[in-house]
């Protein structure tokens, strides 16, 4: 399965050592929607990701990817320390100029 580079970085980055590379995959004005909260901008997105990794120790393995309405939609198996693990979640990425501009996790 071929994923855009920024989306691939999202799934392959390891915490905490790849925090800066992870944040660099996002545009400066990017927005992430996850668990009913919104995180905007590189530093906030990096902090959200590091906190989620520390709390859930999760890993997401992409199962399939497709383009829908100009967005990259990835279904991934997520395993970690959370009720219902493993779970299949949908990650919807908006991209511009090779960087993630928007991410919805659900």
PDB file of N, CA and C in Angstrom:
ATOM      1  N   UNK A   1       0.854  -1.177   0.000  1.00  0.00           N
ATOM      2  CA  UNK A   1       0.000   0.000   0.000  1.00  0.00           C
ATOM      3  C   UNK A   1       0.895   1.233   0.000  1.00  0.00           C
ATOM      4  N   UNK A   2       0.581   2.167  -0.865  1.00  0.00           N
ATOM      5  CA  UNK A   2       1.374   3.396  -0.946  1.00  0.00           C
ATOM      6  C   UNK A   2       0.689   4.498  -0.143  1.00  0.00           C
ATOM      7  N   UNK A   3       1.434   5.071   0.780  1.00  0.00           N
ATOM      8  CA  UNK A   3       0.944   6.200   1.567  1.00  0.00           C
ATOM      9  C   UNK A   3       1.790   7.422   1.250  1.00  0.00           C
ATOM     10  N   UNK A   4       1.184   8.617   1.206  1.00  0.00           N
ATOM     11  CA  UNK A   4       2.000   9.833   1.082  1.00  0.00           C
ATOM     12  C   UNK A   4       3.030   9.882   2.212  1.00  0.00           C
ATOM     13  N   UNK A   5       4.167  10.498   1.956  1.00  0.00           N
ATOM     14  CA  UNK A   5       5.277  10.508   2.920  1.00  0.00           C
ATOM     15  C   UNK A   5       4.858  11.007   4.302  1.00  0.00           C
ATOM     16  N   UNK A   6       4.095  12.090   4.371  1.00  0.00           N
ATOM     17  CA  UNK A   6       3.690  12.635   5.668  1.00  0.00           C
ATOM     18  C   UNK A   6       2.796  11.656   6.419  1.00  0.00           C
ATOM     19  N   UNK A   7       1.926  10.956   5.704  1.00  0.00           N
ATOM     20  CA  UNK A   7       1.044   9.974   6.327  1.00  0.00           C
ATOM     21  C   UNK A   7       1.868   8.777   6.803  1.00  0.00           C
ATOM     22  N   UNK A   8       2.823   8.358   6.016  1.00  0.00           N
ATOM     23  CA  UNK A   8       3.715   7.272   6.420  1.00  0.00           C
ATOM     24  C   UNK A   8       4.459   7.641   7.699  1.00  0.00           C
ATOM     25  N   UNK A   9       4.946   8.874   7.777  1.00  0.00           N
ATOM     26  CA  UNK A   9       5.631   9.343   8.985  1.00  0.00           C
ATOM     27  C   UNK A   9       4.708   9.251  10.189  1.00  0.00           C
ATOM     28  N   UNK A  10       3.440   9.604  10.007  1.00  0.00           N
ATOM     29  CA  UNK A  10       2.475   9.520  11.103  1.00  0.00           C
ATOM     30  C   UNK A  10       2.449   8.104  11.686  1.00  0.00           C
ATOM     31  N   UNK A  11       2.452   7.105  10.832  1.00  0.00           N
ATOM     32  CA  UNK A  11       2.326   5.722  11.284  1.00  0.00           C
ATOM     33  C   UNK A  11       3.650   5.081  11.709  1.00  0.00           C
ATOM     34  N   UNK A  12       4.779   5.611  11.274  1.00  0.00           N
ATOM     35  CA  UNK A  12       6.056   4.975  11.600  1.00  0.00           C
ATOM     36  C   UNK A  12       6.851   5.678  12.694  1.00  0.00           C
ATOM     37  N   UNK A  13       6.499   6.914  13.037  1.00  0.00           N
ATOM     38  CA  UNK A  13       7.243   7.654  14.063  1.00  0.00           C
ATOM     39  C   UNK A  13       7.138   6.950  15.415  1.00  0.00           C
ATOM     40  N   UNK A  14       8.211   6.963  16.149  1.00  0.00           N
ATOM     41  CA  UNK A  14       8.264   6.347  17.477  1.00  0.00           C
ATOM     42  C   UNK A  14       8.458   7.444  18.525  1.00  0.00           C
ATOM     43  N   UNK A  15       7.726   7.311  19.623  1.00  0.00           N
ATOM     44  CA  UNK A  15       7.817   8.296  20.701  1.00  0.00           C
ATOM     45  C   UNK A  15       8.841   7.807  21.726  1.00  0.00           C
ATOM     46  N   UNK A  16       9.550   8.711  22.360  1.00  0.00           N
ATOM     47  CA  UNK A  16       9.550  10.156  22.126  1.00  0.00           C
ATOM     48  C   UNK A  16      10.582  10.609  21.102  1.00  0.00           C
ATOM     49  N   UNK A  17      11.458   9.719  20.672  1.00  0.00           N
ATOM     50  CA  UNK A  17      12.608  10.115  19.868  1.00  0.00           C
ATOM     51  C   UNK A  17      12.245  10.770  18.539  1.00  0.00           C
ATOM     52  N   UNK A  18      11.095  10.468  17.973  1.00  0.00           N
ATOM     53  CA  UNK A  18      10.725  11.022  16.673  1.00  0.00           C
ATOM     54  C   UNK A  18       9.735  12.183  16.774  1.00  0.00           C
ATOM     55  N   UNK A  19       9.632  12.794  17.948  1.00  0.00           N
ATOM     56  CA  UNK A  19       8.665  13.879  18.156  1.00  0.00           C
ATOM     57  C   UNK A  19       8.798  15.021  17.176  1.00  0.00           C
ATOM     58  N   UNK A  20      10.018  15.453  16.908  1.00  0.00           N
ATOM     59  CA  UNK A  20      10.213  16.586  15.997  1.00  0.00           C
ATOM     60  C   UNK A  20       9.904  16.191  14.551  1.00  0.00           C
ATOM     61  N   UNK A  21      10.320  14.998  14.141  1.00  0.00           N
ATOM     62  CA  UNK A  21      10.021  14.520  12.786  1.00  0.00           C
ATOM     63  C   UNK A  21       8.517  14.351  12.616  1.00  0.00           C
ATOM     64  N   UNK A  22       7.857  13.853  13.654  1.00  0.00           N
ATOM     65  CA  UNK A  22       6.406  13.702  13.622  1.00  0.00           C
ATOM     66  C   UNK A  22       5.748  15.062  13.412  1.00  0.00           C
ATOM     67  N   UNK A  23       6.127  16.048  14.217  1.00  0.00           N
ATOM     68  CA  UNK A  23       5.533  17.389  14.110  1.00  0.00           C
ATOM     69  C   UNK A  23       5.813  18.011  12.750  1.00  0.00           C
ATOM     70  N   UNK A  24       6.984  17.742  12.177  1.00  0.00           N
ATOM     71  CA  UNK A  24       7.352  18.317  10.881  1.00  0.00           C
ATOM     72  C   UNK A  24       6.495  17.770   9.736  1.00  0.00           C
ATOM     73  N   UNK A  25       5.821  16.638   9.938  1.00  0.00           N
ATOM     74  CA  UNK A  25       4.928  16.095   8.909  1.00  0.00           C
ATOM     75  C   UNK A  25       3.648  16.917   8.801  1.00  0.00           C
ATOM     76  N   UNK A  26       3.398  17.788   9.779  1.00  0.00           N
ATOM     77  CA  UNK A  26       2.198  18.614   9.819  1.00  0.00           C
ATOM     78  C   UNK A  26       2.508  20.045   9.387  1.00  0.00           C
ATOM     79  N   UNK A  27       1.568  20.654   8.663  1.00  0.00           N
ATOM     80  CA  UNK A  27       1.689  22.066   8.302  1.00  0.00           C
ATOM     81  C   UNK A  27       1.615  22.909   9.581  1.00  0.00           C
ATOM     82  N   UNK A  28       2.195  24.119   9.564  1.00  0.00           N
ATOM     83  CA  UNK A  28       2.197  24.948  10.777  1.00  0.00           C
ATOM     84  C   UNK A  28       0.799  25.230  11.332  1.00  0.00           C
ATOM     85  N   UNK A  29      -0.204  25.297  10.453  1.00  0.00           N
ATOM     86  CA  UNK A  29      -1.568  25.603  10.890  1.00  0.00           C
ATOM     87  C   UNK A  29      -2.459  24.352  10.951  1.00  0.00           C
ATOM     88  N   UNK A  30      -1.852  23.180  10.985  1.00  0.00           N
ATOM     89  CA  UNK A  30      -2.602  21.918  10.971  1.00  0.00           C
ATOM     90  C   UNK A  30      -3.490  21.786  12.201  1.00  0.00           C
ATOM     91  N   UNK A  31      -4.550  20.986  12.027  1.00  0.00           N
ATOM     92  CA  UNK A  31      -5.510  20.724  13.096  1.00  0.00           C
ATOM     93  C   UNK A  31      -5.726  19.218  13.202  1.00  0.00           C
ATOM     94  N   UNK A  32      -5.731  18.724  14.443  1.00  0.00           N
ATOM     95  CA  UNK A  32      -6.032  17.318  14.710  1.00  0.00           C
ATOM     96  C   UNK A  32      -7.284  17.261  15.577  1.00  0.00           C
ATOM     97  N   UNK A  33      -8.218  16.384  15.193  1.00  0.00           N
ATOM     98  CA  UNK A  33      -9.435  16.140  15.968  1.00  0.00           C
ATOM     99  C   UNK A  33      -9.363  14.701  16.467  1.00  0.00           C
ATOM    100  N   UNK A  34      -9.331  14.535  17.788  1.00  0.00           N
ATOM    101  CA  UNK A  34      -9.243  13.190  18.376  1.00  0.00           C
ATOM    102  C   UNK A  34      -9.877  13.207  19.762  1.00  0.00           C
ATOM    103  N   UNK A  35     -10.657  12.185  20.061  1.00  0.00           N
ATOM    104  CA  UNK A  35     -11.285  12.029  21.368  1.00  0.00           C
ATOM    105  C   UNK A  35     -12.028  13.285  21.818  1.00  0.00           C
ATOM    106  N   UNK A  36     -12.719  13.918  20.877  1.00  0.00           N
ATOM    107  CA  UNK A  36     -13.522  15.094  21.196  1.00  0.00           C
ATOM    108  C   UNK A  36     -12.733  16.366  21.441  1.00  0.00           C
ATOM    109  N   UNK A  37     -11.442  16.345  21.174  1.00  0.00           N
ATOM    110  CA  UNK A  37     -10.606  17.528  21.379  1.00  0.00           C
ATOM    111  C   UNK A  37      -9.952  17.942  20.072  1.00  0.00           C
ATOM    112  N   UNK A  38      -9.571  19.208  20.003  1.00  0.00           N
ATOM    113  CA  UNK A  38      -8.889  19.757  18.838  1.00  0.00           C
ATOM    114  C   UNK A  38      -7.515  20.245  19.260  1.00  0.00           C
ATOM    115  N   UNK A  39      -6.516  19.915  18.453  1.00  0.00           N
ATOM    116  CA  UNK A  39      -5.127  20.325  18.706  1.00  0.00           C
ATOM    117  C   UNK A  39      -4.652  21.036  17.450  1.00  0.00           C
ATOM    118  N   UNK A  40      -4.139  22.256  17.595  1.00  0.00           N
ATOM    119  CA  UNK A  40      -3.757  23.041  16.423  1.00  0.00           C
ATOM    120  C   UNK A  40      -2.317  23.515  16.521  1.00  0.00           C
ATOM    121  N   UNK A  41      -1.588  23.361  15.399  1.00  0.00           N
ATOM    122  CA  UNK A  41      -0.204  23.808  15.315  1.00  0.00           C
ATOM    123  C   UNK A  41       0.772  22.720  15.739  1.00  0.00           C
ATOM    124  N   UNK A  42       1.967  22.787  15.169  1.00  0.00           N
ATOM    125  CA  UNK A  42       2.982  21.763  15.392  1.00  0.00           C
ATOM    126  C   UNK A  42       3.260  21.429  16.839  1.00  0.00           C
ATOM    127  N   UNK A  43       3.553  22.424  17.695  1.00  0.00           N
ATOM    128  CA  UNK A  43       3.862  22.099  19.089  1.00  0.00           C
ATOM    129  C   UNK A  43       2.701  21.419  19.814  1.00  0.00           C
ATOM    130  N   UNK A  44       1.482  21.894  19.606  1.00  0.00           N
ATOM    131  CA  UNK A  44       0.315  21.289  20.270  1.00  0.00           C
ATOM    132  C   UNK A  44       0.078  19.873  19.762  1.00  0.00           C
ATOM    133  N   UNK A  45       0.265  19.667  18.461  1.00  0.00           N
ATOM    134  CA  UNK A  45       0.077  18.335  17.882  1.00  0.00           C
ATOM    135  C   UNK A  45       1.154  17.380  18.393  1.00  0.00           C
ATOM    136  N   UNK A  46       2.391  17.822  18.456  1.00  0.00           N
ATOM    137  CA  UNK A  46       3.465  16.979  18.996  1.00  0.00           C
ATOM    138  C   UNK A  46       3.164  16.614  20.454  1.00  0.00           C
ATOM    139  N   UNK A  47       2.737  17.592  21.249  1.00  0.00           N
ATOM    140  CA  UNK A  47       2.443  17.337  22.660  1.00  0.00           C
ATOM    141  C   UNK A  47       1.278  16.359  22.818  1.00  0.00           C
ATOM    142  N   UNK A  48       0.230  16.501  21.974  1.00  0.00           N
ATOM    143  CA  UNK A  48      -0.904  15.573  21.989  1.00  0.00           C
ATOM    144  C   UNK A  48      -0.424  14.155  21.697  1.00  0.00           C
ATOM    145  N   UNK A  49       0.397  14.008  20.669  1.00  0.00           N
ATOM    146  CA  UNK A  49       0.892  12.699  20.251  1.00  0.00           C
ATOM    147  C   UNK A  49       1.764  12.057  21.333  1.00  0.00           C
ATOM    148  N   UNK A  50       2.685  12.833  21.896  1.00  0.00           N
ATOM    149  CA  UNK A  50       3.558  12.298  22.941  1.00  0.00           C
ATOM    150  C   UNK A  50       2.749  11.879  24.168  1.00  0.00           C
ATOM    151  N   UNK A  51       1.753  12.687  24.549  1.00  0.00           N
ATOM    152  CA  UNK A  51       0.919  12.344  25.703  1.00  0.00           C
ATOM    153  C   UNK A  51       0.098  11.086  25.421  1.00  0.00           C
ATOM    154  N   UNK A  52      -0.451  10.970  24.212  1.00  0.00           N
ATOM    155  CA  UNK A  52      -1.235   9.781  23.855  1.00  0.00           C
ATOM    156  C   UNK A  52      -0.351   8.538  23.836  1.00  0.00           C
ATOM    157  N   UNK A  53       0.860   8.661  23.303  1.00  0.00           N
ATOM    158  CA  UNK A  53       1.783   7.526  23.272  1.00  0.00           C
ATOM    159  C   UNK A  53       2.146   7.087  24.690  1.00  0.00           C
ATOM    160  N   UNK A  54       2.386   8.049  25.577  1.00  0.00           N
ATOM    161  CA  UNK A  54       2.738   7.718  26.960  1.00  0.00           C
ATOM    162  C   UNK A  54       1.557   7.072  27.683  1.00  0.00           C
ATOM    163  N   UNK A  55       0.359   7.555  27.424  1.00  0.00           N
ATOM    164  CA  UNK A  55      -0.827   7.060  28.122  1.00  0.00           C
ATOM    165  C   UNK A  55      -1.274   5.682  27.620  1.00  0.00           C
ATOM    166  N   UNK A  56      -1.323   5.531  26.294  1.00  0.00           N
ATOM    167  CA  UNK A  56      -1.899   4.319  25.708  1.00  0.00           C
ATOM    168  C   UNK A  56      -0.861   3.327  25.176  1.00  0.00           C
ATOM    169  N   UNK A  57       0.374   3.782  25.007  1.00  0.00           N
ATOM    170  CA  UNK A  57       1.438   2.947  24.431  1.00  0.00           C
ATOM    171  C   UNK A  57       0.924   2.199  23.198  1.00  0.00           C
ATOM    172  N   UNK A  58       0.287   2.955  22.329  1.00  0.00           N
ATOM    173  CA  UNK A  58      -0.371   2.358  21.174  1.00  0.00           C
ATOM    174  C   UNK A  58       0.499   2.339  19.925  1.00  0.00           C
ATOM    175  N   UNK A  59       0.085   1.462  19.040  1.00  0.00           N
ATOM    176  CA  UNK A  59       0.727   1.327  17.725  1.00  0.00           C
ATOM    177  C   UNK A  59      -0.387   1.145  16.718  1.00  0.00           C
ATOM    178  N   UNK A  60      -0.270   1.832  15.575  1.00  0.00           N
ATOM    179  CA  UNK A  60      -1.280   1.731  14.522  1.00  0.00           C
ATOM    180  C   UNK A  60      -0.650   1.117  13.279  1.00  0.00           C
ATOM    181  N   UNK A  61      -1.282   0.072  12.784  1.00  0.00           N
ATOM    182  CA  UNK A  61      -0.808  -0.624  11.589  1.00  0.00           C
ATOM    183  C   UNK A  61      -1.821  -0.399  10.462  1.00  0.00           C
ATOM    184  N   UNK A  62      -1.442   0.350   9.424  1.00  0.00           N
ATOM    185  CA  UNK A  62      -2.374   0.593   8.322  1.00  0.00           C
ATOM    186  C   UNK A  62      -2.810  -0.710   7.651  1.00  0.00           C
ATOM    187  N   UNK A  63      -4.105  -0.817   7.406  1.00  0.00           N
ATOM    188  CA  UNK A  63      -4.676  -1.979   6.739  1.00  0.00           C
ATOM    189  C   UNK A  63      -5.032  -1.671   5.293  1.00  0.00           C
ATOM    190  N   UNK A  64      -5.564  -0.473   5.067  1.00  0.00           N
ATOM    191  CA  UNK A  64      -5.916  -0.046   3.714  1.00  0.00           C
ATOM    192  C   UNK A  64      -5.969   1.474   3.663  1.00  0.00           C
ATOM    193  N   UNK A  65      -5.745   1.998   2.464  1.00  0.00           N
ATOM    194  CA  UNK A  65      -5.792   3.446   2.257  1.00  0.00           C
ATOM    195  C   UNK A  65      -6.522   3.722   0.954  1.00  0.00           C
ATOM    196  N   UNK A  66      -7.273   4.817   0.954  1.00  0.00           N
ATOM    197  CA  UNK A  66      -7.960   5.237  -0.270  1.00  0.00           C
ATOM    198  C   UNK A  66      -8.138   6.742  -0.251  1.00  0.00           C
ATOM    199  N   UNK A  67      -8.374   7.284  -1.424  1.00  0.00           N
ATOM    200  CA  UNK A  67      -8.657   8.707  -1.567  1.00  0.00           C
ATOM    201  C   UNK A  67     -10.166   8.897  -1.604  1.00  0.00           C
ATOM    202  N   UNK A  68     -10.675   9.783  -0.751  1.00  0.00           N
ATOM    203  CA  UNK A  68     -12.102  10.072  -0.705  1.00  0.00           C
ATOM    204  C   UNK A  68     -12.275  11.587  -0.587  1.00  0.00           C
ATOM    205  N   UNK A  69     -12.884  12.188  -1.588  1.00  0.00           N
ATOM    206  CA  UNK A  69     -13.146  13.625  -1.513  1.00  0.00           C
ATOM    207  C   UNK A  69     -11.911  14.465  -1.303  1.00  0.00           C
ATOM    208  N   UNK A  70     -10.794  14.073  -1.915  1.00  0.00           N
ATOM    209  CA  UNK A  70      -9.564  14.840  -1.787  1.00  0.00           C
ATOM    210  C   UNK A  70      -8.800  14.587  -0.499  1.00  0.00           C
ATOM    211  N   UNK A  71      -9.229  13.626   0.283  1.00  0.00           N
ATOM    212  CA  UNK A  71      -8.535  13.293   1.529  1.00  0.00           C
ATOM    213  C   UNK A  71      -8.028  11.858   1.454  1.00  0.00           C
ATOM    214  N   UNK A  72      -6.977  11.582   2.220  1.00  0.00           N
ATOM    215  CA  UNK A  72      -6.440  10.231   2.325  1.00  0.00           C
ATOM    216  C   UNK A  72      -7.059   9.586   3.560  1.00  0.00           C
ATOM    217  N   UNK A  73      -7.792   8.502   3.342  1.00  0.00           N
ATOM    218  CA  UNK A  73      -8.478   7.810   4.431  1.00  0.00           C
ATOM    219  C   UNK A  73      -7.784   6.467   4.649  1.00  0.00           C
ATOM    220  N   UNK A  74      -7.310   6.265   5.876  1.00  0.00           N
ATOM    221  CA  UNK A  74      -6.567   5.047   6.220  1.00  0.00           C
ATOM    222  C   UNK A  74      -7.296   4.326   7.344  1.00  0.00           C
ATOM    223  N   UNK A  75      -7.605   3.067   7.113  1.00  0.00           N
ATOM    224  CA  UNK A  75      -8.104   2.196   8.180  1.00  0.00           C
ATOM    225  C   UNK A  75      -6.884   1.500   8.766  1.00  0.00           C
ATOM    226  N   UNK A  76      -6.789   1.514  10.095  1.00  0.00           N
ATOM    227  CA  UNK A  76      -5.619   0.935  10.748  1.00  0.00           C
ATOM    228  C   UNK A  76      -6.030   0.163  11.992  1.00  0.00           C
ATOM    229  N   UNK A  77      -5.312  -0.928  12.252  1.00  0.00           N
ATOM    230  CA  UNK A  77      -5.501  -1.687  13.479  1.00  0.00           C
ATOM    231  C   UNK A  77      -4.638  -1.020  14.546  1.00  0.00           C
ATOM    232  N   UNK A  78      -5.290  -0.600  15.628  1.00  0.00           N
ATOM    233  CA  UNK A  78      -4.594   0.086  16.713  1.00  0.00           C
ATOM    234  C   UNK A  78      -4.591  -0.833  17.931  1.00  0.00           C
ATOM    235  N   UNK A  79      -3.392  -1.096  18.439  1.00  0.00           N
ATOM    236  CA  UNK A  79      -3.238  -1.906  19.639  1.00  0.00           C
ATOM    237  C   UNK A  79      -2.541  -1.072  20.706  1.00  0.00           C
ATOM    238  N   UNK A  80      -2.873  -1.325  21.950  1.00  0.00           N
ATOM    239  CA  UNK A  80      -2.242  -0.581  23.030  1.00  0.00           C
ATOM    240  C   UNK A  80      -2.950  -0.830  24.340  1.00  0.00           C
ATOM    241  N   UNK A  81      -2.668   0.027  25.310  1.00  0.00           N
ATOM    242  CA  UNK A  81      -3.247  -0.088  26.643  1.00  0.00           C
ATOM    243  C   UNK A  81      -4.508   0.765  26.736  1.00  0.00           C
ATOM    244  N   UNK A  82      -5.592   0.276  26.126  1.00  0.00           N
ATOM    245  CA  UNK A  82      -6.872   0.966  26.193  1.00  0.00           C
ATOM    246  C   UNK A  82      -7.982  -0.073  26.062  1.00  0.00           C
ATOM    247  N   UNK A  83      -9.150   0.207  26.629  1.00  0.00           N
ATOM    248  CA  UNK A  83     -10.266  -0.737  26.530  1.00  0.00           C
ATOM    249  C   UNK A  83     -10.620  -0.998  25.069  1.00  0.00           C
ATOM    250  N   UNK A  84     -10.849  -2.257  24.731  1.00  0.00           N
ATOM    251  CA  UNK A  84     -11.235  -2.607  23.372  1.00  0.00           C
ATOM    252  C   UNK A  84     -10.075  -2.880  22.435  1.00  0.00           C
ATOM    253  N   UNK A  85      -8.853  -2.831  22.936  1.00  0.00           N
ATOM    254  CA  UNK A  85      -7.691  -3.092  22.094  1.00  0.00           C
ATOM    255  C   UNK A  85      -7.635  -4.567  21.742  1.00  0.00           C
ATOM    256  N   UNK A  86      -7.359  -4.890  20.496  1.00  0.00           N
ATOM    257  CA  UNK A  86      -7.116  -3.984  19.375  1.00  0.00           C
ATOM    258  C   UNK A  86      -8.433  -3.473  18.788  1.00  0.00           C
ATOM    259  N   UNK A  87      -8.342  -2.336  18.118  1.00  0.00           N
ATOM    260  CA  UNK A  87      -9.500  -1.723  17.476  1.00  0.00           C
ATOM    261  C   UNK A  87      -9.095  -1.271  16.086  1.00  0.00           C
ATOM    262  N   UNK A  88     -10.043  -1.256  15.175  1.00  0.00           N
ATOM    263  CA  UNK A  88      -9.794  -0.711  13.847  1.00  0.00           C
ATOM    264  C   UNK A  88     -10.364   0.697  13.826  1.00  0.00           C
ATOM    265  N   UNK A  89      -9.495   1.675  13.590  1.00  0.00           N
ATOM    266  CA  UNK A  89      -9.884   3.076  13.548  1.00  0.00           C
ATOM    267  C   UNK A  89      -9.665   3.635  12.148  1.00  0.00           C
ATOM    268  N   UNK A  90     -10.383   4.706  11.857  1.00  0.00           N
ATOM    269  CA  UNK A  90     -10.237   5.402  10.584  1.00  0.00           C
ATOM    270  C   UNK A  90      -9.526   6.724  10.822  1.00  0.00           C
ATOM    271  N   UNK A  91      -8.484   6.965  10.044  1.00  0.00           N
ATOM    272  CA  UNK A  91      -7.692   8.195  10.108  1.00  0.00           C
ATOM    273  C   UNK A  91      -7.924   8.937   8.792  1.00  0.00           C
ATOM    274  N   UNK A  92      -8.445  10.151   8.867  1.00  0.00           N
ATOM    275  CA  UNK A  92      -8.726  10.932   7.665  1.00  0.00           C
ATOM    276  C   UNK A  92      -7.765  12.115   7.620  1.00  0.00           C
ATOM    277  N   UNK A  93      -6.900  12.111   6.594  1.00  0.00           N
ATOM    278  CA  UNK A  93      -5.843  13.113   6.462  1.00  0.00           C
ATOM    279  C   UNK A  93      -6.162  14.093   5.341  1.00  0.00           C
ATOM    280  N   UNK A  94      -6.082  15.382   5.639  1.00  0.00           N
ATOM    281  CA  UNK A  94      -6.052  16.411   4.613  1.00  0.00           C
ATOM    282  C   UNK A  94      -4.598  16.756   4.383  1.00  0.00           C
ATOM    283  N   UNK A  95      -4.191  16.891   3.132  1.00  0.00           N
ATOM    284  CA  UNK A  95      -2.790  17.156   2.800  1.00  0.00           C
ATOM    285  C   UNK A  95      -2.679  18.379   1.903  1.00  0.00           C
ATOM    286  N   UNK A  96      -1.579  19.104   2.067  1.00  0.00           N
ATOM    287  CA  UNK A  96      -1.260  20.233   1.188  1.00  0.00           C
ATOM    288  C   UNK A  96       0.257  20.360   1.148  1.00  0.00           C
ATOM    289  N   UNK A  97       0.776  20.448  -0.053  1.00  0.00           N
ATOM    290  CA  UNK A  97       2.221  20.621  -0.240  1.00  0.00           C
ATOM    291  C   UNK A  97       3.036  19.562   0.517  1.00  0.00           C
ATOM    292  N   UNK A  98       2.529  18.337   0.538  1.00  0.00           N
ATOM    293  CA  UNK A  98       3.266  17.238   1.145  1.00  0.00           C
ATOM    294  C   UNK A  98       3.202  17.168   2.662  1.00  0.00           C
ATOM    295  N   UNK A  99       2.377  18.004   3.281  1.00  0.00           N
ATOM    296  CA  UNK A  99       2.264  17.990   4.739  1.00  0.00           C
ATOM    297  C   UNK A  99       0.806  17.803   5.152  1.00  0.00           C
ATOM    298  N   UNK A 100       0.605  17.286   6.342  1.00  0.00           N
ATOM    299  CA  UNK A 100      -0.729  17.077   6.870  1.00  0.00           C
ATOM    300  C   UNK A 100      -1.297  18.408   7.336  1.00  0.00           C
ATOM    301  N   UNK A 101      -2.486  18.748   6.849  1.00  0.00           N
ATOM    302  CA  UNK A 101      -3.145  19.985   7.258  1.00  0.00           C
ATOM    303  C   UNK A 101      -4.280  19.727   8.242  1.00  0.00           C
ATOM    304  N   UNK A 102      -4.831  18.507   8.147  1.00  0.00           N
ATOM    305  CA  UNK A 102      -5.943  18.155   9.030  1.00  0.00           C
ATOM    306  C   UNK A 102      -5.935  16.646   9.234  1.00  0.00           C
ATOM    307  N   UNK A 103      -6.267  16.229  10.450  1.00  0.00           N
ATOM    308  CA  UNK A 103      -6.371  14.809  10.769  1.00  0.00           C
ATOM    309  C   UNK A 103      -7.570  14.602  11.661  1.00  0.00           C
ATOM    310  N   UNK A 104      -8.414  13.687  11.259  1.00  0.00           N
ATOM    311  CA  UNK A 104      -9.521  13.253  12.106  1.00  0.00           C
ATOM    312  C   UNK A 104      -9.326  11.793  12.446  1.00  0.00           C
ATOM    313  N   UNK A 105      -9.432  11.446  13.723  1.00  0.00           N
ATOM    314  CA  UNK A 105      -9.269  10.073  14.175  1.00  0.00           C
ATOM    315  C   UNK A 105     -10.614   9.598  14.708  1.00  0.00           C
ATOM    316  N   UNK A 106     -11.084   8.469  14.188  1.00  0.00           N
ATOM    317  CA  UNK A 106     -12.371   7.977  14.653  1.00  0.00           C
ATOM    318  C   UNK A 106     -12.588   6.546  14.303  1.00  0.00           C
TER     319      UNK A 106
END
